[in-house]
Protein backbone atom coordinates (compact mmCIF):
# COMPACT_ATOMS: atom_id res chain seq x y z
CA MET A 1 96.35 -22.24 67.35
CA MET A 2 96.63 -20.65 69.58
CA VAL A 3 93.02 -18.88 71.49
CA MET A 4 94.01 -15.88 73.95
CA THR A 5 90.87 -14.80 76.03
CA ASP A 6 88.87 -11.56 77.61
CA ARG A 7 85.63 -10.56 79.32
CA GLN A 8 86.01 -7.56 81.58
CA SER A 9 83.79 -4.65 83.11
CA VAL A 10 84.52 -1.99 80.72
CA GLY A 11 83.31 1.55 82.71
CA ALA A 12 81.30 4.06 81.25
CA ASN A 13 82.36 6.09 78.88
CA ALA A 14 85.33 4.36 79.25
CA THR A 15 87.97 2.18 77.32
CA VAL A 16 90.16 0.20 77.69
CA VAL A 17 93.31 0.56 75.65
CA ASN A 18 94.92 -2.89 75.30
CA ALA A 19 92.58 -6.10 76.27
CA LEU A 20 95.38 -8.52 75.44
CA SER A 21 98.37 -7.07 77.51
CA GLY A 22 100.40 -8.99 79.24
CA LYS A 23 99.29 -12.27 77.49
CA ILE A 24 100.70 -14.98 76.62
CA HIS A 25 100.67 -14.75 72.76
CA GLU A 26 100.26 -10.93 72.91
CA PHE A 27 103.05 -10.65 70.43
CA LEU A 28 103.36 -12.90 67.55
CA GLU A 29 106.17 -15.14 67.01
CA ARG A 30 106.14 -16.81 63.56
CA PRO A 31 103.78 -15.18 60.50
CA SER A 32 100.49 -15.28 61.83
CA LYS A 33 96.89 -14.87 60.60
CA ILE A 34 94.25 -13.65 63.18
CA ARG A 35 90.84 -14.20 63.50
CA MET A 36 88.78 -12.16 65.75
CA TYR A 37 85.34 -12.54 67.75
CA GLY A 38 83.75 -10.27 69.75
CA THR A 39 79.79 -9.81 72.12
CA ALA A 40 79.34 -7.19 73.92
CA ALA A 41 76.53 -7.59 76.84
CA ALA A 42 74.60 -4.87 76.02
CA VAL A 43 74.80 -2.19 72.78
CA GLY A 44 76.87 0.56 73.36
CA LEU A 45 80.35 -1.23 72.76
CA ASN A 46 82.87 -0.29 70.21
CA MET A 47 85.71 -2.34 69.83
CA THR A 48 89.54 -2.28 68.03
CA LEU A 49 92.09 -4.27 65.98
CA ILE A 50 95.77 -3.18 65.83
CA VAL A 51 98.24 -5.73 64.48
CA GLY A 52 101.69 -4.54 64.32
CA ASN A 53 101.26 -0.77 62.01
CA GLN A 54 98.21 -1.91 60.89
CA THR A 55 94.74 -1.08 61.66
CA PHE A 56 92.49 -4.01 60.78
CA MET A 57 89.18 -2.95 62.78
CA GLN A 58 88.80 1.15 64.18
CA ASP A 59 85.48 1.65 66.64
CA GLN A 60 83.06 -0.73 65.61
CA GLU A 61 80.26 -1.78 67.16
CA VAL A 62 79.81 -5.62 67.86
CA ASN A 63 76.69 -7.73 68.67
CA ALA A 64 75.26 -7.73 72.47
CA GLN A 65 74.96 -11.28 73.20
CA ASN A 66 76.11 -10.70 76.64
CA ARG A 67 78.25 -14.17 76.60
CA MET A 68 81.42 -15.02 74.97
CA PRO A 69 81.41 -15.32 71.79
CA ILE A 70 80.61 -18.61 69.80
CA THR A 71 82.63 -19.06 66.42
CA PRO A 72 82.04 -18.94 63.61
CA ASP A 73 78.53 -17.28 65.01
CA ASP A 74 80.05 -13.87 65.93
CA TRP A 75 83.49 -13.94 64.02
CA VAL A 76 84.26 -9.91 63.45
CA VAL A 77 87.22 -9.79 61.57
CA ASP A 78 90.16 -11.01 59.93
CA ALA A 79 93.68 -9.55 60.03
CA GLY A 80 97.42 -10.78 59.86
CA GLY A 81 100.53 -10.14 60.84
CA LYS A 82 104.55 -11.29 61.33
CA PRO A 83 106.62 -12.26 64.30
CA GLY A 84 107.38 -9.21 66.54
CA ASP A 85 104.10 -7.43 65.77
CA ARG A 86 101.73 -6.76 68.66
CA ILE A 87 98.32 -7.71 68.86
CA VAL A 88 96.58 -4.58 70.15
CA LEU A 89 92.75 -5.37 71.29
CA SER A 90 90.72 -1.63 72.21
CA TYR A 91 86.89 -1.31 73.88
CA ARG A 92 85.22 1.75 73.69
CA ASN A 93 81.61 1.81 75.94
CA THR A 94 79.55 4.85 74.34
CA THR A 95 77.25 4.94 77.20
CA ALA A 96 76.70 5.86 80.91
CA ALA A 97 76.15 2.71 82.30
CA ALA A 98 79.31 0.12 82.61
CA ILE A 99 79.44 -3.46 79.92
CA VAL A 100 81.14 -5.77 80.19
CA ALA A 101 83.55 -6.74 76.71
CA PHE A 102 84.11 -11.18 75.52
CA SER A 103 85.72 -11.24 73.12
CA ARG A 104 88.10 -14.40 71.35
CA ILE A 105 91.09 -14.16 68.91
CA GLU A 106 92.81 -16.57 67.75
CA VAL A 107 96.74 -16.51 66.41
CA ILE A 108 96.67 -19.63 63.41
CA PRO A 109 100.68 -19.83 62.60
CA ILE A 110 100.87 -19.56 58.14
CA ARG A 111 103.33 -22.58 57.83
């Protein structure tokens, strides 16, 4: 299993297009299961998860725990992908103040 984490401030009414851009496991090398965990520092933060050309979660609000996600408590969605697929995780702040987004993506190769 490979793990990618991210923590970043999302500006007021702003969108982060791909929080995983540049991370080592952004592109899948093998058929894999993807498990996403997410939290936010305050209410009003939405997340989207796209793998390859499939959207597994679109613009859904995540809970406001103000900490890194804990497994399995902060599980949001499972996805799947094939070699070469790109994992795209985006954040959208729906409020008038910055919110910190926290995420954990587990990439589990299927053997």
